[in-house]
C-alpha atoms as a PDB file:
ATOM      1  CA  MET A   1       0.681   8.585   3.949  1.00  0.00           C
ATOM      2  CA  LYS A   2      -1.449  11.695   4.481  1.00  0.00           C
ATOM      3  CA  TYR A   3      -4.693   9.747   4.519  1.00  0.00           C
ATOM      4  CA  LYS A   4      -3.520   7.728   7.481  1.00  0.00           C
ATOM      5  CA  ALA A   5      -2.697  10.861   9.445  1.00  0.00           C
ATOM      6  CA  LEU A   6      -6.099  12.275   8.614  1.00  0.00           C
ATOM      7  CA  PHE A   7      -7.789   9.248  10.133  1.00  0.00           C
ATOM      8  CA  ILE A   8      -5.692   9.453  13.266  1.00  0.00           C
ATOM      9  CA  THR A   9      -6.652  13.100  13.739  1.00  0.00           C
ATOM     10  CA  LEU A  10     -10.289  13.204  12.743  1.00  0.00           C
ATOM     11  CA  ALA A  11     -11.586   9.703  13.281  1.00  0.00           C
ATOM     12  CA  ALA A  12      -9.676   8.825  16.403  1.00  0.00           C
ATOM     13  CA  LEU A  13     -10.373  12.128  18.145  1.00  0.00           C
ATOM     14  CA  ALA A  14     -14.051  11.764  18.981  1.00  0.00           C
ATOM     15  CA  LEU A  15     -16.297  14.811  19.272  1.00  0.00           C
ATOM     16  CA  THR A  16     -19.198  15.056  21.686  1.00  0.00           C
ATOM     17  CA  SER A  17     -22.405  16.018  19.889  1.00  0.00           C
ATOM     18  CA  CYS A  18     -24.973  18.494  21.135  1.00  0.00           C
ATOM     19  CA  SER A  19     -26.455  17.792  24.511  1.00  0.00           C
ATOM     20  CA  SER A  20     -30.030  16.645  24.983  1.00  0.00           C
ATOM     21  CA  ASN A  21     -30.438  18.349  28.361  1.00  0.00           C
ATOM     22  CA  LYS A  22     -33.821  19.924  28.810  1.00  0.00           C
ATOM     23  CA  LEU A  23     -33.480  23.684  28.728  1.00  0.00           C
ATOM     24  CA  LYS A  24     -36.269  24.123  31.249  1.00  0.00           C
ATOM     25  CA  ASP A  25     -34.101  22.488  33.930  1.00  0.00           C
ATOM     26  CA  GLN A  26     -31.211  24.863  33.334  1.00  0.00           C
ATOM     27  CA  THR A  27     -30.320  28.309  34.622  1.00  0.00           C
ATOM     28  CA  PRO A  28     -30.355  31.219  32.133  1.00  0.00           C
ATOM     29  CA  ASP A  29     -26.546  31.075  31.833  1.00  0.00           C
ATOM     30  CA  GLU A  30     -26.621  27.324  31.289  1.00  0.00           C
ATOM     31  CA  LYS A  31     -29.210  27.756  28.540  1.00  0.00           C
ATOM     32  CA  LYS A  32     -27.030  30.335  26.783  1.00  0.00           C
ATOM     33  CA  ALA A  33     -24.008  28.077  27.231  1.00  0.00           C
ATOM     34  CA  GLU A  34     -25.904  25.218  25.633  1.00  0.00           C
ATOM     35  CA  VAL A  35     -26.656  27.338  22.574  1.00  0.00           C
ATOM     36  CA  TYR A  36     -23.019  28.415  22.196  1.00  0.00           C
ATOM     37  CA  TYR A  37     -21.949  24.823  22.758  1.00  0.00           C
ATOM     38  CA  GLY A  38     -24.223  23.594  19.983  1.00  0.00           C
ATOM     39  CA  GLN A  39     -22.957  26.237  17.569  1.00  0.00           C
ATOM     40  CA  GLY A  40     -19.335  25.547  18.456  1.00  0.00           C
ATOM     41  CA  THR A  41     -19.717  21.808  18.061  1.00  0.00           C
ATOM     42  CA  THR A  42     -21.349  22.130  14.647  1.00  0.00           C
ATOM     43  CA  GLU A  43     -18.525  24.415  13.518  1.00  0.00           C
ATOM     44  CA  LEU A  44     -15.985  21.976  14.916  1.00  0.00           C
ATOM     45  CA  VAL A  45     -17.420  19.138  12.841  1.00  0.00           C
ATOM     46  CA  ASN A  46     -17.469  21.439   9.794  1.00  0.00           C
ATOM     47  CA  LYS A  47     -13.776  22.327  10.394  1.00  0.00           C
ATOM     48  CA  ASP A  48     -14.477  26.005  11.030  1.00  0.00           C
ATOM     49  CA  TYR A  49     -12.111  25.941  13.975  1.00  0.00           C
ATOM     50  CA  GLN A  50     -11.788  29.665  14.606  1.00  0.00           C
ATOM     51  CA  ALA A  51     -15.551  30.186  14.875  1.00  0.00           C
ATOM     52  CA  SER A  52     -15.842  27.006  16.916  1.00  0.00           C
ATOM     53  CA  LEU A  53     -13.242  28.202  19.392  1.00  0.00           C
ATOM     54  CA  ASN A  54     -15.002  31.538  19.824  1.00  0.00           C
ATOM     55  CA  HIS A  55     -18.374  29.947  20.571  1.00  0.00           C
ATOM     56  CA  LEU A  56     -16.991  27.256  22.866  1.00  0.00           C
ATOM     57  CA  LEU A  57     -15.047  29.856  24.862  1.00  0.00           C
ATOM     58  CA  LYS A  58     -18.306  31.764  25.370  1.00  0.00           C
ATOM     59  CA  ALA A  59     -19.969  28.526  26.470  1.00  0.00           C
ATOM     60  CA  LYS A  60     -17.160  27.953  28.974  1.00  0.00           C
ATOM     61  CA  GLU A  61     -17.547  31.482  30.392  1.00  0.00           C
ATOM     62  CA  LEU A  62     -21.210  30.788  31.059  1.00  0.00           C
ATOM     63  CA  ASN A  63     -20.817  27.234  32.345  1.00  0.00           C
ATOM     64  CA  SER A  64     -17.243  26.250  33.155  1.00  0.00           C
ATOM     65  CA  LYS A  65     -18.298  23.083  35.001  1.00  0.00           C
ATOM     66  CA  ASP A  66     -19.787  21.345  31.956  1.00  0.00           C
ATOM     67  CA  SER A  67     -17.524  18.429  31.028  1.00  0.00           C
ATOM     68  CA  LYS A  68     -18.712  18.157  27.436  1.00  0.00           C
ATOM     69  CA  ILE A  69     -18.043  21.859  26.797  1.00  0.00           C
ATOM     70  CA  ARG A  70     -14.494  21.508  28.109  1.00  0.00           C
ATOM     71  CA  ASN A  71     -13.969  18.400  25.969  1.00  0.00           C
ATOM     72  CA  ASN A  72     -14.984  20.076  22.736  1.00  0.00           C
ATOM     73  CA  LEU A  73     -13.091  23.232  23.660  1.00  0.00           C
ATOM     74  CA  GLY A  74     -10.040  21.013  24.005  1.00  0.00           C
ATOM     75  CA  MET A  75     -10.642  19.741  20.484  1.00  0.00           C
ATOM     76  CA  ALA A  76     -11.025  23.267  19.149  1.00  0.00           C
ATOM     77  CA  TYR A  77      -7.655  24.150  20.678  1.00  0.00           C
ATOM     78  CA  TYR A  78      -6.163  20.969  19.248  1.00  0.00           C
ATOM     79  CA  PHE A  79      -7.190  21.814  15.707  1.00  0.00           C
ATOM     80  CA  ARG A  80      -5.843  25.341  16.200  1.00  0.00           C
ATOM     81  CA  ASN A  81      -2.466  23.748  17.050  1.00  0.00           C
ATOM     82  CA  GLN A  82      -2.632  24.741  20.713  1.00  0.00           C
ATOM     83  CA  THR A  83      -1.666  21.368  22.141  1.00  0.00           C
ATOM     84  CA  ALA A  84      -0.939  22.499  25.698  1.00  0.00           C
ATOM     85  CA  LEU A  85      -4.314  24.247  26.008  1.00  0.00           C
ATOM     86  CA  ALA A  86      -6.035  21.239  24.452  1.00  0.00           C
ATOM     87  CA  GLU A  87      -4.491  18.908  27.018  1.00  0.00           C
ATOM     88  CA  GLU A  88      -5.481  21.253  29.836  1.00  0.00           C
ATOM     89  CA  GLU A  89      -9.122  21.360  28.735  1.00  0.00           C
ATOM     90  CA  LEU A  90      -9.358  17.591  28.200  1.00  0.00           C
ATOM     91  CA  LYS A  91      -7.925  16.907  31.648  1.00  0.00           C
ATOM     92  CA  LYS A  92     -10.427  19.346  33.145  1.00  0.00           C
ATOM     93  CA  ALA A  93     -13.253  17.594  31.294  1.00  0.00           C
ATOM     94  CA  ILE A  94     -12.218  14.317  32.909  1.00  0.00           C
ATOM     95  CA  ASP A  95     -11.871  15.947  36.333  1.00  0.00           C
ATOM     96  CA  LEU A  96     -15.438  17.208  36.017  1.00  0.00           C
ATOM     97  CA  ASP A  97     -16.739  13.826  34.847  1.00  0.00           C
ATOM     98  CA  GLU A  98     -14.584  10.724  35.190  1.00  0.00           C
ATOM     99  CA  LYS A  99     -17.058   8.844  32.958  1.00  0.00           C
ATOM    100  CA  ASN A 100     -16.495  11.177  30.007  1.00  0.00           C
ATOM    101  CA  SER A 101     -14.981   8.548  27.724  1.00  0.00           C
ATOM    102  CA  ASP A 102     -14.963  10.953  24.772  1.00  0.00           C
ATOM    103  CA  ALA A 103     -12.537  13.181  26.667  1.00  0.00           C
ATOM    104  CA  ARG A 104     -10.376  10.204  27.654  1.00  0.00           C
ATOM    105  CA  LEU A 105     -10.272   8.980  24.066  1.00  0.00           C
ATOM    106  CA  ASN A 106      -9.297  12.437  22.864  1.00  0.00           C
ATOM    107  CA  LEU A 107      -6.658  12.863  25.557  1.00  0.00           C
ATOM    108  CA  GLY A 108      -5.208   9.445  24.759  1.00  0.00           C
ATOM    109  CA  SER A 109      -5.100  10.357  21.060  1.00  0.00           C
ATOM    110  CA  LEU A 110      -3.311  13.595  21.882  1.00  0.00           C
ATOM    111  CA  TYR A 111      -0.769  11.676  23.964  1.00  0.00           C
ATOM    112  CA  MET A 112      -0.266   9.190  21.145  1.00  0.00           C
ATOM    113  CA  ASP A 113       0.328  11.987  18.639  1.00  0.00           C
ATOM    114  CA  ASN A 114       3.006  13.318  20.991  1.00  0.00           C
ATOM    115  CA  LYS A 115       4.611   9.879  21.414  1.00  0.00           C
ATOM    116  CA  LYS A 116       3.556   9.593  25.061  1.00  0.00           C
ATOM    117  CA  ILE A 117       2.768   5.921  24.645  1.00  0.00           C
ATOM    118  CA  LYS A 118       2.435   4.976  28.323  1.00  0.00           C
ATOM    119  CA  GLU A 119       0.067   7.850  29.038  1.00  0.00           C
ATOM    120  CA  ALA A 120      -1.988   7.102  25.924  1.00  0.00           C
ATOM    121  CA  ARG A 121      -2.392   3.442  26.815  1.00  0.00           C
ATOM    122  CA  ALA A 122      -3.578   4.357  30.304  1.00  0.00           C
ATOM    123  CA  GLN A 123      -6.393   6.477  28.848  1.00  0.00           C
ATOM    124  CA  PHE A 124      -7.399   3.927  26.192  1.00  0.00           C
ATOM    125  CA  GLU A 125      -7.486   1.078  28.700  1.00  0.00           C
ATOM    126  CA  LYS A 126      -9.668   3.182  30.981  1.00  0.00           C
ATOM    127  CA  VAL A 127     -12.065   3.748  28.077  1.00  0.00           C
ATOM    128  CA  SER A 128     -12.125  -0.029  27.491  1.00  0.00           C
ATOM    129  CA  GLU A 129     -13.646  -0.425  30.956  1.00  0.00           C
ATOM    130  CA  ASP A 130     -16.660   1.658  29.930  1.00  0.00           C
ATOM    131  CA  LEU A 131     -18.926  -1.124  28.665  1.00  0.00           C
ATOM    132  CA  THR A 132     -21.679   1.306  27.674  1.00  0.00           C
ATOM    133  CA  TYR A 133     -19.452   3.521  25.520  1.00  0.00           C
ATOM    134  CA  GLN A 134     -20.892   3.568  22.011  1.00  0.00           C
ATOM    135  CA  ALA A 135     -17.664   4.587  20.273  1.00  0.00           C
ATOM    136  CA  GLN A 136     -15.640   1.661  21.571  1.00  0.00           C
ATOM    137  CA  PHE A 137     -14.695   0.809  17.978  1.00  0.00           C
ATOM    138  CA  ARG A 138     -12.705   4.058  17.849  1.00  0.00           C
ATOM    139  CA  ASN A 139     -10.902   3.138  21.034  1.00  0.00           C
ATOM    140  CA  LEU A 140     -10.012  -0.300  19.660  1.00  0.00           C
ATOM    141  CA  TYR A 141      -8.679   1.354  16.518  1.00  0.00           C
ATOM    142  CA  ASN A 142      -6.483   3.628  18.609  1.00  0.00           C
ATOM    143  CA  LEU A 143      -5.235   0.651  20.596  1.00  0.00           C
ATOM    144  CA  ALA A 144      -4.262  -0.933  17.272  1.00  0.00           C
ATOM    145  CA  LEU A 145      -2.242   2.156  16.328  1.00  0.00           C
ATOM    146  CA  LEU A 146      -0.663   2.123  19.757  1.00  0.00           C
ATOM    147  CA  SER A 147       0.295  -1.536  19.345  1.00  0.00           C
ATOM    148  CA  LEU A 148       1.958  -0.710  16.023  1.00  0.00           C
ATOM    149  CA  ASN A 149       3.950   2.029  17.728  1.00  0.00           C
ATOM    150  CA  GLU A 150       5.082  -0.591  20.214  1.00  0.00           C
ATOM    151  CA  GLY A 151       6.011  -3.013  17.418  1.00  0.00           C
ATOM    152  CA  ASP A 152       3.288  -5.566  18.178  1.00  0.00           C
ATOM    153  CA  ARG A 153       1.662  -6.260  14.784  1.00  0.00           C
ATOM    154  CA  ARG A 154      -0.209  -9.346  15.976  1.00  0.00           C
ATOM    155  CA  MET A 155      -1.979  -7.340  18.670  1.00  0.00           C
ATOM    156  CA  ALA A 156      -2.667  -4.562  16.163  1.00  0.00           C
ATOM    157  CA  PHE A 157      -4.383  -7.040  13.830  1.00  0.00           C
ATOM    158  CA  ASP A 158      -6.421  -8.301  16.771  1.00  0.00           C
ATOM    159  CA  TYR A 159      -7.575  -4.828  17.813  1.00  0.00           C
ATOM    160  CA  LEU A 160      -8.502  -3.914  14.236  1.00  0.00           C
ATOM    161  CA  ALA A 161     -10.554  -7.084  13.891  1.00  0.00           C
ATOM    162  CA  LYS A 162     -12.385  -6.208  17.117  1.00  0.00           C
ATOM    163  CA  SER A 163     -12.933  -2.641  15.932  1.00  0.00           C
ATOM    164  CA  ILE A 164     -14.557  -3.913  12.743  1.00  0.00           C
ATOM    165  CA  GLN A 165     -16.614  -6.390  14.731  1.00  0.00           C
ATOM    166  CA  GLU A 166     -17.930  -3.516  16.842  1.00  0.00           C
ATOM    167  CA  ASN A 167     -18.685  -1.398  13.768  1.00  0.00           C
ATOM    168  CA  ASN A 168     -18.161  -2.867  10.306  1.00  0.00           C
ATOM    169  CA  ASP A 169     -18.782   0.547   8.733  1.00  0.00           C
ATOM    170  CA  TYR A 170     -15.777   2.108  10.446  1.00  0.00           C
ATOM    171  CA  CYS A 171     -13.597   2.686   7.392  1.00  0.00           C
ATOM    172  CA  PRO A 172     -10.343   3.694   9.155  1.00  0.00           C
ATOM    173  CA  ALA A 173      -9.996   0.187  10.604  1.00  0.00           C
ATOM    174  CA  HIS A 174     -10.466  -1.426   7.182  1.00  0.00           C
ATOM    175  CA  TYR A 175      -7.984   1.024   5.656  1.00  0.00           C
ATOM    176  CA  LYS A 176      -5.324   0.317   8.275  1.00  0.00           C
ATOM    177  CA  LEU A 177      -5.827  -3.415   7.748  1.00  0.00           C
ATOM    178  CA  GLY A 178      -5.279  -2.876   4.040  1.00  0.00           C
ATOM    179  CA  GLU A 179      -2.031  -1.042   4.715  1.00  0.00           C
ATOM    180  CA  MET A 180      -0.796  -3.789   7.010  1.00  0.00           C
ATOM    181  CA  TYR A 181      -1.684  -6.564   4.566  1.00  0.00           C
ATOM    182  CA  ALA A 182       0.076  -4.680   1.765  1.00  0.00           C
ATOM    183  CA  GLU A 183       3.192  -4.308   3.913  1.00  0.00           C
ATOM    184  CA  GLU A 184       3.233  -8.093   4.222  1.00  0.00           C
ATOM    185  CA  TYR A 185       2.678  -8.584   0.457  1.00  0.00           C
ATOM    186  CA  ARG A 186      -0.741 -10.125   1.113  1.00  0.00           C
ATOM    187  CA  PHE A 187      -2.209  -8.154  -1.737  1.00  0.00           C
ATOM    188  CA  GLN A 188      -5.498  -9.986  -2.208  1.00  0.00           C
ATOM    189  CA  GLN A 189      -6.383  -9.441   1.448  1.00  0.00           C
ATOM    190  CA  ALA A 190      -5.200  -5.844   1.139  1.00  0.00           C
ATOM    191  CA  LEU A 191      -7.472  -5.360  -1.861  1.00  0.00           C
ATOM    192  CA  ASP A 192     -10.489  -6.686   0.030  1.00  0.00           C
ATOM    193  CA  ALA A 193      -9.733  -4.428   2.999  1.00  0.00           C
ATOM    194  CA  PHE A 194      -9.257  -1.306   0.872  1.00  0.00           C
ATOM    195  CA  LYS A 195     -12.553  -2.000  -0.905  1.00  0.00           C
ATOM    196  CA  GLU A 196     -14.314  -2.111   2.456  1.00  0.00           C
ATOM    197  CA  SER A 197     -12.573   1.109   3.521  1.00  0.00           C
ATOM    198  CA  GLY A 198     -14.130   2.939   0.581  1.00  0.00           C
ATOM    199  CA  LYS A 199     -17.681   2.347   1.755  1.00  0.00           C
ATOM    200  CA  GLY A 200     -19.941   4.127   4.234  1.00  0.00           C
ATOM    201  CA  THR A 201     -18.769   7.543   5.409  1.00  0.00           C
ATOM    202  CA  CYS A 202     -15.575   7.241   3.336  1.00  0.00           C
ATOM    203  CA  VAL A 203     -17.323   6.644   0.004  1.00  0.00           C
ATOM    204  CA  SER A 204     -16.381  10.128  -1.219  1.00  0.00           C
ATOM    205  CA  ASP A 205     -12.735   9.867  -0.173  1.00  0.00           C
ATOM    206  CA  PRO A 206     -10.161   9.290  -2.942  1.00  0.00           C
ATOM    207  CA  ALA A 207      -7.576   7.531  -0.747  1.00  0.00           C
ATOM    208  CA  PRO A 208      -9.252   4.071  -0.703  1.00  0.00           C
ATOM    209  CA  LEU A 209      -9.704   4.194  -4.478  1.00  0.00           C
ATOM    210  CA  TYR A 210      -6.050   5.076  -4.935  1.00  0.00           C
ATOM    211  CA  GLN A 211      -4.919   2.221  -2.700  1.00  0.00           C
ATOM    212  CA  ILE A 212      -7.219  -0.194  -4.536  1.00  0.00           C
ATOM    213  CA  ALA A 213      -5.577   0.833  -7.823  1.00  0.00           C
ATOM    214  CA  ILE A 214      -2.062   0.487  -6.390  1.00  0.00           C
ATOM    215  CA  THR A 215      -2.939  -2.966  -5.055  1.00  0.00           C
ATOM    216  CA  LEU A 216      -4.261  -3.989  -8.468  1.00  0.00           C
ATOM    217  CA  VAL A 217      -0.877  -3.026  -9.895  1.00  0.00           C
ATOM    218  CA  ASN A 218       0.805  -5.227  -7.304  1.00  0.00           C
ATOM    219  CA  LEU A 219      -1.555  -8.053  -8.271  1.00  0.00           C
ATOM    220  CA  ASN A 220      -0.407  -7.634 -11.890  1.00  0.00           C
ATOM    221  CA  ARG A 221      -3.803  -6.392 -13.032  1.00  0.00           C
ATOM    222  CA  PRO A 222      -2.690  -3.200 -14.813  1.00  0.00           C
ATOM    223  CA  THR A 223      -5.774  -2.803 -17.007  1.00  0.00           C
ATOM    224  CA  GLU A 224      -8.096  -2.688 -13.986  1.00  0.00           C
ATOM    225  CA  ALA A 225      -5.648  -0.447 -12.150  1.00  0.00           C
ATOM    226  CA  LYS A 226      -5.515   1.991 -15.051  1.00  0.00           C
ATOM    227  CA  MET A 227      -9.305   2.214 -15.149  1.00  0.00           C
ATOM    228  CA  MET A 228      -9.343   2.951 -11.415  1.00  0.00           C
ATOM    229  CA  PHE A 229      -6.692   5.643 -11.752  1.00  0.00           C
ATOM    230  CA  GLN A 230      -8.704   7.231 -14.562  1.00  0.00           C
ATOM    231  CA  GLU A 231     -11.778   7.219 -12.332  1.00  0.00           C
ATOM    232  CA  ILE A 232      -9.811   9.015  -9.629  1.00  0.00           C
ATOM    233  CA  MET A 233      -8.660  11.644 -12.139  1.00  0.00           C
ATOM    234  CA  GLU A 234     -12.238  12.222 -13.250  1.00  0.00           C
ATOM    235  CA  LYS A 235     -13.782  12.340  -9.761  1.00  0.00           C
ATOM    236  CA  PHE A 236     -10.986  14.134  -7.905  1.00  0.00           C
ATOM    237  CA  PRO A 237      -9.088  16.187 -10.527  1.00  0.00           C
ATOM    238  CA  SER A 238      -7.986  18.972  -8.177  1.00  0.00           C
ATOM    239  CA  THR A 239      -6.687  16.745  -5.376  1.00  0.00           C
ATOM    240  CA  ARG A 240      -3.209  15.300  -4.891  1.00  0.00           C
ATOM    241  CA  TYR A 241      -4.712  11.884  -5.644  1.00  0.00           C
ATOM    242  CA  GLY A 242      -5.747  13.100  -9.074  1.00  0.00           C
ATOM    243  CA  THR A 243      -2.141  14.109  -9.706  1.00  0.00           C
ATOM    244  CA  LEU A 244      -0.776  10.838  -8.319  1.00  0.00           C
ATOM    245  CA  ALA A 245      -3.220   8.864 -10.446  1.00  0.00           C
ATOM    246  CA  ALA A 246      -1.984  10.623 -13.589  1.00  0.00           C
ATOM    247  CA  VAL A 247       1.587   9.695 -12.686  1.00  0.00           C
ATOM    248  CA  GLN A 248       0.606   6.061 -12.140  1.00  0.00           C
ATOM    249  CA  ILE A 249      -1.195   5.888 -15.491  1.00  0.00           C
ATOM    250  CA  LYS A 250       1.952   7.126 -17.187  1.00  0.00           C
ATOM    251  CA  LYS A 251       3.990   4.477 -15.378  1.00  0.00           C
ATOM    252  CA  ILE A 252       1.601   1.741 -16.468  1.00  0.00           C
ATOM    253  CA  SER A 253       1.699   2.944 -20.070  1.00  0.00           C
ATOM    254  CA  ASN A 254       5.504   3.107 -20.037  1.00  0.00           C
ATOM    255  CA  SER A 255       5.675  -0.320 -18.427  1.00  0.00           C
ATOM    256  CA  ASN A 256       3.378  -1.797 -21.062  1.00  0.00           C
ATOM    257  CA  GLU A 257       5.488  -0.237 -23.806  1.00  0.00           C
ATOM    258  CA  GLU A 258       8.703  -1.553 -22.263  1.00  0.00           C
ATOM    259  CA  GLN A 259       7.142  -4.979 -21.857  1.00  0.00           C
ATOM    260  CA  SER A 260       6.056  -4.931 -25.500  1.00  0.00           C
ATOM    261  CA  ILE A 261       9.570  -4.036 -26.636  1.00  0.00           C
ATOM    262  CA  ARG A 262      11.057  -6.686 -24.346  1.00  0.00           C
ATOM    263  CA  THR A 263       8.679  -9.329 -25.655  1.00  0.00           C
ATOM    264  CA  ARG A 264       9.336  -8.313 -29.253  1.00  0.00           C
ATOM    265  CA  THR A 265      13.094  -8.545 -28.678  1.00  0.00           C
ATOM    266  CA  GLU A 266      12.782 -11.949 -27.072  1.00  0.00           C
ATOM    267  CA  LEU A 267      10.609 -13.249 -29.891  1.00  0.00           C
ATOM    268  CA  MET A 268      12.989 -11.952 -32.501  1.00  0.00           C
ATOM    269  CA  LYS A 269      15.897 -13.731 -30.828  1.00  0.00           C
ATOM    270  CA  GLN A 270      13.937 -16.975 -30.750  1.00  0.00           C
ATOM    271  CA  SER A 271      12.732 -16.699 -34.354  1.00  0.00           C
ATOM    272  CA  ASP A 272      14.479 -17.901 -37.458  1.00  0.00           C
ATOM    273  CA  PRO A 273      16.810 -15.050 -38.598  1.00  0.00           C
ATOM    274  CA  VAL A 274      15.466 -15.308 -42.167  1.00  0.00           C
ATOM    275  CA  GLU A 275      11.851 -14.672 -41.190  1.00  0.00           C
ATOM    276  CA  THR A 276      10.326 -11.556 -39.683  1.00  0.00           C
ATOM    277  CA  PRO A 277       7.886 -12.183 -36.801  1.00  0.00           C
ATOM    278  CA  ASN A 278       4.326 -11.112 -37.544  1.00  0.00           C
ATOM    279  CA  PHE A 279       3.515  -8.476 -34.867  1.00  0.00           C
END
């Protein structure tokens, strides 16, 4: 579903935040580059990709040997659908600093999006060797997605569990677990995972709520599901999830009506033909 793709793109592709380098130790051009870099990174996080690209290109002109600038420029290109330029910048970021695990994670994610599984795994495994990398939970999540692409569900479960162990607030890992449990008809475990995926930074996202409601339907708890769908319609009326929730409510209502008719028919068949059942 769309929500899954969103997580692969935004959560898996890490962004380097503004540098803490002391301006007094930099040349005038490096200082200007740092300012453009900070502006571009903020715009990148805020999804203003055109403005971000403009500022990061200016930063590159002033300091082309800064690995973090090249990494974020690669991301700006990526979100502007310039995959070849994105790959070029990410590779350059790694050439400038082999320890730039953000760039490796991003490059691996780009490879995975383009079905270059072998190349993606090489980058993710290299990131795994960086024991000081603070976003290792993202890397483990990507390794889980990679394992699914390779058809290894057991390994995917293992990587997701490790991702959550590294950072229990990382909602994409919980969400993917929920999807996998649901695919195996383990709906109670799916429900627990989807509930966890709706916490933290994903608390304002409608997708976990929608999946919780769908799972409640699968658990034959239509009343709770209907309440959840109504909540989605109220909180996110202009989103596709608001529309989907309205459709699901109609299905539940129709199902309840059909069930009532079916039950009434069955009771009438079982009753004495002279008497009318009291409904």
